[in-house]
C-alpha atoms as a PDB file:
ATOM      1  CA  MET A   1     -10.480 -39.809  17.245  1.00  0.00           C
ATOM      2  CA  ILE A   2      -8.360 -37.756  19.308  1.00  0.00           C
ATOM      3  CA  THR A   3      -9.603 -36.281  22.724  1.00  0.00           C
ATOM      4  CA  ALA A   4      -7.980 -33.913  24.912  1.00  0.00           C
ATOM      5  CA  LYS A   5      -8.603 -32.564  28.378  1.00  0.00           C
ATOM      6  CA  ILE A   6      -7.367 -29.011  29.651  1.00  0.00           C
ATOM      7  CA  ILE A   7      -5.951 -29.509  33.187  1.00  0.00           C
ATOM      8  CA  GLY A   8      -6.306 -26.178  34.875  1.00  0.00           C
ATOM      9  CA  LYS A   9      -8.584 -24.518  32.246  1.00  0.00           C
ATOM     10  CA  GLU A  10      -9.758 -21.809  34.579  1.00  0.00           C
ATOM     11  CA  GLU A  11      -6.272 -20.710  34.994  1.00  0.00           C
ATOM     12  CA  VAL A  12      -5.828 -20.688  31.102  1.00  0.00           C
ATOM     13  CA  ILE A  13      -8.962 -18.687  30.866  1.00  0.00           C
ATOM     14  CA  VAL A  14      -7.540 -16.066  33.239  1.00  0.00           C
ATOM     15  CA  ASN A  15      -4.349 -15.987  31.657  1.00  0.00           C
ATOM     16  CA  ILE A  16      -5.780 -15.134  28.273  1.00  0.00           C
ATOM     17  CA  LYS A  17      -8.075 -12.453  29.817  1.00  0.00           C
ATOM     18  CA  ARG A  18      -5.056 -11.041  31.576  1.00  0.00           C
ATOM     19  CA  VAL A  19      -3.055 -10.909  28.174  1.00  0.00           C
ATOM     20  CA  LEU A  20      -5.786  -9.866  25.825  1.00  0.00           C
ATOM     21  CA  PRO A  21      -6.029  -6.057  26.530  1.00  0.00           C
ATOM     22  CA  SER A  22      -2.198  -5.734  26.323  1.00  0.00           C
ATOM     23  CA  LEU A  23      -1.846  -7.818  23.265  1.00  0.00           C
ATOM     24  CA  ARG A  24      -4.661  -5.565  21.419  1.00  0.00           C
ATOM     25  CA  ALA A  25      -2.946  -2.455  22.374  1.00  0.00           C
ATOM     26  CA  GLU A  26       0.539  -3.860  21.402  1.00  0.00           C
ATOM     27  CA  LEU A  27      -0.878  -5.077  17.959  1.00  0.00           C
ATOM     28  CA  LYS A  28      -2.471  -1.638  17.251  1.00  0.00           C
ATOM     29  CA  LEU A  29       0.842   0.123  17.751  1.00  0.00           C
ATOM     30  CA  PHE A  30       2.703  -2.382  15.763  1.00  0.00           C
ATOM     31  CA  THR A  31       0.121  -2.043  12.753  1.00  0.00           C
ATOM     32  CA  GLU A  32       0.340   1.590  12.892  1.00  0.00           C
ATOM     33  CA  ALA A  33       4.114   1.378  12.846  1.00  0.00           C
ATOM     34  CA  PHE A  34       4.102  -1.083  10.057  1.00  0.00           C
ATOM     35  CA  ARG A  35       1.958   1.132   8.074  1.00  0.00           C
ATOM     36  CA  ILE A  36       4.155   4.100   8.245  1.00  0.00           C
ATOM     37  CA  ASP A  37       7.217   1.927   7.508  1.00  0.00           C
ATOM     38  CA  THR A  38       5.692   0.600   4.498  1.00  0.00           C
ATOM     39  CA  VAL A  39       4.489   3.924   3.236  1.00  0.00           C
ATOM     40  CA  GLN A  40       8.177   5.226   3.608  1.00  0.00           C
ATOM     41  CA  TYR A  41       9.505   1.955   1.736  1.00  0.00           C
ATOM     42  CA  ILE A  42       6.976   2.606  -1.083  1.00  0.00           C
ATOM     43  CA  GLN A  43       8.118   6.320  -1.400  1.00  0.00           C
ATOM     44  CA  SER A  44      11.842   5.632  -1.065  1.00  0.00           C
ATOM     45  CA  GLU A  45      12.088   2.216  -2.841  1.00  0.00           C
ATOM     46  CA  LYS A  46       9.520   2.482  -5.494  1.00  0.00           C
ATOM     47  CA  LEU A  47       8.369   6.115  -6.215  1.00  0.00           C
ATOM     48  CA  SER A  48      11.738   7.771  -6.173  1.00  0.00           C
ATOM     49  CA  GLY A  49      12.745   6.787  -9.600  1.00  0.00           C
ATOM     50  CA  GLN A  50      13.351   2.905  -9.330  1.00  0.00           C
ATOM     51  CA  VAL A  51       9.938   2.128 -10.786  1.00  0.00           C
ATOM     52  CA  LEU A  52       8.348   5.372 -11.614  1.00  0.00           C
ATOM     53  CA  PHE A  53      10.150   8.350 -12.600  1.00  0.00           C
ATOM     54  CA  HIS A  54       9.651  11.287  -9.806  1.00  0.00           C
ATOM     55  CA  ARG A  55       7.915  14.463 -11.808  1.00  0.00           C
ATOM     56  CA  THR A  56       5.740  16.308  -9.584  1.00  0.00           C
ATOM     57  CA  GLY A  57       5.606  14.107  -6.233  1.00  0.00           C
ATOM     58  CA  LYS A  58       1.822  13.722  -6.292  1.00  0.00           C
ATOM     59  CA  LEU A  59       1.647   9.819  -6.476  1.00  0.00           C
ATOM     60  CA  LYS A  60       4.618   9.463  -4.110  1.00  0.00           C
ATOM     61  CA  ASP A  61       2.786  12.089  -1.447  1.00  0.00           C
ATOM     62  CA  SER A  62      -0.803  10.423  -1.952  1.00  0.00           C
ATOM     63  CA  ILE A  63       0.326   7.077  -0.626  1.00  0.00           C
ATOM     64  CA  ALA A  64       0.773   8.626   2.959  1.00  0.00           C
ATOM     65  CA  GLY A  65      -2.891  10.009   2.604  1.00  0.00           C
ATOM     66  CA  GLY A  66      -4.267   6.828   0.942  1.00  0.00           C
ATOM     67  CA  SER A  67      -3.188   4.575   3.980  1.00  0.00           C
ATOM     68  CA  TYR A  68      -4.712   3.899   7.217  1.00  0.00           C
ATOM     69  CA  VAL A  69      -5.305   1.137   9.902  1.00  0.00           C
ATOM     70  CA  LYS A  70      -8.724  -0.111  10.554  1.00  0.00           C
ATOM     71  CA  GLY A  71      -9.003  -2.615  13.505  1.00  0.00           C
ATOM     72  CA  PHE A  72      -5.769  -4.721  12.725  1.00  0.00           C
ATOM     73  CA  ASP A  73      -6.190  -4.285   9.083  1.00  0.00           C
ATOM     74  CA  VAL A  74      -3.333  -2.167   7.239  1.00  0.00           C
ATOM     75  CA  HIS A  75      -4.572  -0.478   4.122  1.00  0.00           C
ATOM     76  CA  ILE A  76      -2.155   1.336   1.819  1.00  0.00           C
ATOM     77  CA  GLY A  77      -3.228   2.949  -1.371  1.00  0.00           C
ATOM     78  CA  THR A  78      -3.685   6.209  -3.376  1.00  0.00           C
ATOM     79  CA  ASN A  79      -6.591   8.026  -4.821  1.00  0.00           C
ATOM     80  CA  VAL A  80      -4.428   9.703  -7.679  1.00  0.00           C
ATOM     81  CA  GLU A  81      -6.202   9.024 -10.904  1.00  0.00           C
ATOM     82  CA  TYR A  82      -3.228   7.680 -12.896  1.00  0.00           C
ATOM     83  CA  ALA A  83      -1.989   5.371 -10.204  1.00  0.00           C
ATOM     84  CA  ALA A  84      -3.924   2.239 -11.547  1.00  0.00           C
ATOM     85  CA  ALA A  85      -2.754   2.787 -15.149  1.00  0.00           C
ATOM     86  CA  HIS A  86       0.892   2.497 -13.731  1.00  0.00           C
ATOM     87  CA  GLU A  87       0.027  -0.527 -11.406  1.00  0.00           C
ATOM     88  CA  PHE A  88      -1.947  -2.451 -13.652  1.00  0.00           C
ATOM     89  CA  GLY A  89      -0.992  -1.296 -17.123  1.00  0.00           C
ATOM     90  CA  ARG A  90      -3.225   0.287 -19.714  1.00  0.00           C
ATOM     91  CA  GLU A  91      -4.465  -0.613 -23.188  1.00  0.00           C
ATOM     92  CA  PRO A  92      -3.930   1.744 -26.086  1.00  0.00           C
ATOM     93  CA  TYR A  93      -6.562   4.476 -25.997  1.00  0.00           C
ATOM     94  CA  ARG A  94      -7.676   7.575 -27.907  1.00  0.00           C
ATOM     95  CA  ILE A  95      -7.287  11.189 -26.398  1.00  0.00           C
ATOM     96  CA  VAL A  96      -9.784  13.878 -27.527  1.00  0.00           C
ATOM     97  CA  PRO A  97     -10.285  17.360 -26.374  1.00  0.00           C
ATOM     98  CA  LYS A  98     -12.938  17.661 -23.503  1.00  0.00           C
ATOM     99  CA  THR A  99     -13.995  21.436 -23.958  1.00  0.00           C
ATOM    100  CA  LYS A 100     -11.966  22.628 -26.887  1.00  0.00           C
ATOM    101  CA  LYS A 101     -11.842  21.957 -30.635  1.00  0.00           C
ATOM    102  CA  ALA A 102      -8.155  20.491 -30.643  1.00  0.00           C
ATOM    103  CA  LEU A 103      -5.545  19.253 -28.181  1.00  0.00           C
ATOM    104  CA  ARG A 104      -2.445  21.683 -27.782  1.00  0.00           C
ATOM    105  CA  PHE A 105       1.034  20.421 -26.763  1.00  0.00           C
ATOM    106  CA  GLU A 106       4.683  20.700 -27.217  1.00  0.00           C
ATOM    107  CA  ILE A 107       7.075  18.342 -29.046  1.00  0.00           C
ATOM    108  CA  GLY A 108      10.589  19.188 -29.129  1.00  0.00           C
ATOM    109  CA  GLY A 109       9.759  22.813 -28.521  1.00  0.00           C
ATOM    110  CA  GLU A 110       7.294  23.205 -31.255  1.00  0.00           C
ATOM    111  CA  THR A 111       3.423  23.639 -30.437  1.00  0.00           C
ATOM    112  CA  VAL A 112       1.322  21.059 -32.037  1.00  0.00           C
ATOM    113  CA  PHE A 113      -2.450  20.900 -32.393  1.00  0.00           C
ATOM    114  CA  ALA A 114      -4.406  18.044 -33.219  1.00  0.00           C
ATOM    115  CA  LYS A 115      -8.114  17.012 -33.124  1.00  0.00           C
ATOM    116  CA  SER A 116      -7.210  13.575 -31.277  1.00  0.00           C
ATOM    117  CA  VAL A 117      -3.945  11.350 -30.282  1.00  0.00           C
ATOM    118  CA  ASN A 118      -3.587   7.794 -30.001  1.00  0.00           C
ATOM    119  CA  HIS A 119      -1.845   6.852 -26.632  1.00  0.00           C
ATOM    120  CA  PRO A 120       0.014   3.711 -26.919  1.00  0.00           C
ATOM    121  CA  GLY A 121      -1.093   2.492 -23.630  1.00  0.00           C
ATOM    122  CA  GLN A 122       1.783   1.345 -20.906  1.00  0.00           C
ATOM    123  CA  LYS A 123       2.916  -1.732 -19.506  1.00  0.00           C
ATOM    124  CA  LYS A 124       2.517  -2.429 -15.960  1.00  0.00           C
ATOM    125  CA  ARG A 125       4.843  -0.815 -13.502  1.00  0.00           C
ATOM    126  CA  LEU A 126       4.024  -2.528 -10.106  1.00  0.00           C
ATOM    127  CA  PHE A 127       4.782  -0.283  -7.228  1.00  0.00           C
ATOM    128  CA  LEU A 128       2.109  -1.134  -4.611  1.00  0.00           C
ATOM    129  CA  HIS A 129       1.872  -5.210  -5.057  1.00  0.00           C
ATOM    130  CA  THR A 130       5.534  -5.554  -5.211  1.00  0.00           C
ATOM    131  CA  SER A 131       5.981  -3.420  -2.080  1.00  0.00           C
ATOM    132  CA  LEU A 132       3.457  -5.432  -0.035  1.00  0.00           C
ATOM    133  CA  LYS A 133       4.879  -8.821  -1.208  1.00  0.00           C
ATOM    134  CA  GLU A 134       8.194  -7.853  -0.392  1.00  0.00           C
ATOM    135  CA  ARG A 135       7.034  -6.492   3.206  1.00  0.00           C
ATOM    136  CA  LYS A 136       4.915  -9.523   3.856  1.00  0.00           C
ATOM    137  CA  GLU A 137       7.490 -11.549   5.902  1.00  0.00           C
ATOM    138  CA  ALA A 138       8.346  -8.423   7.947  1.00  0.00           C
ATOM    139  CA  PHE A 139       4.620  -8.297   8.834  1.00  0.00           C
ATOM    140  CA  ARG A 140       4.513 -11.637   9.714  1.00  0.00           C
ATOM    141  CA  GLU A 141       7.620 -11.639  12.017  1.00  0.00           C
ATOM    142  CA  GLY A 142       6.395  -8.356  13.652  1.00  0.00           C
ATOM    143  CA  LEU A 143       3.304 -10.030  14.356  1.00  0.00           C
ATOM    144  CA  LEU A 144       4.848 -13.202  16.073  1.00  0.00           C
ATOM    145  CA  LYS A 145       7.267 -10.868  18.062  1.00  0.00           C
ATOM    146  CA  THR A 146       4.782  -8.474  19.156  1.00  0.00           C
ATOM    147  CA  THR A 147       2.377 -11.173  20.079  1.00  0.00           C
ATOM    148  CA  GLU A 148       5.142 -12.910  22.106  1.00  0.00           C
ATOM    149  CA  GLN A 149       6.362  -9.695  23.796  1.00  0.00           C
ATOM    150  CA  ALA A 150       2.580  -8.956  24.925  1.00  0.00           C
ATOM    151  CA  ILE A 151       2.231 -12.457  26.286  1.00  0.00           C
ATOM    152  CA  ASN A 152       5.643 -12.587  28.189  1.00  0.00           C
ATOM    153  CA  LYS A 153       4.861  -9.005  29.936  1.00  0.00           C
END
């Protein structure tokens, strides 16, 4: 068994209480800055043609709206309905009309009508998970640096 005695524990407690408000404030600033940087990273490195082709910008724009900081947790996501199919992939499925008798679409400039269509599904095209994994070390380093700076003030 190892035992230890803190000499000057009152001084340690005073120093912790002195640093804590500054540390909290600095960590909040860091997490918000990290959220903004990560959203920009996803938008520029994943959703500008590298992982998913840019069509309307709806998914790309939704990342900023789907991210927030709660306490010290950074949440990044999207509420765009087709995002999950891109991120996790999708099994083949059948498309049928919801309100009409037939589907209408164009292939090679020709209008086509069909009662249903079999979608082949799609493979995963990770843009959120890979981004967060790639930014993990930057987050860790930022936390350490921010904590160190707050303590040394």
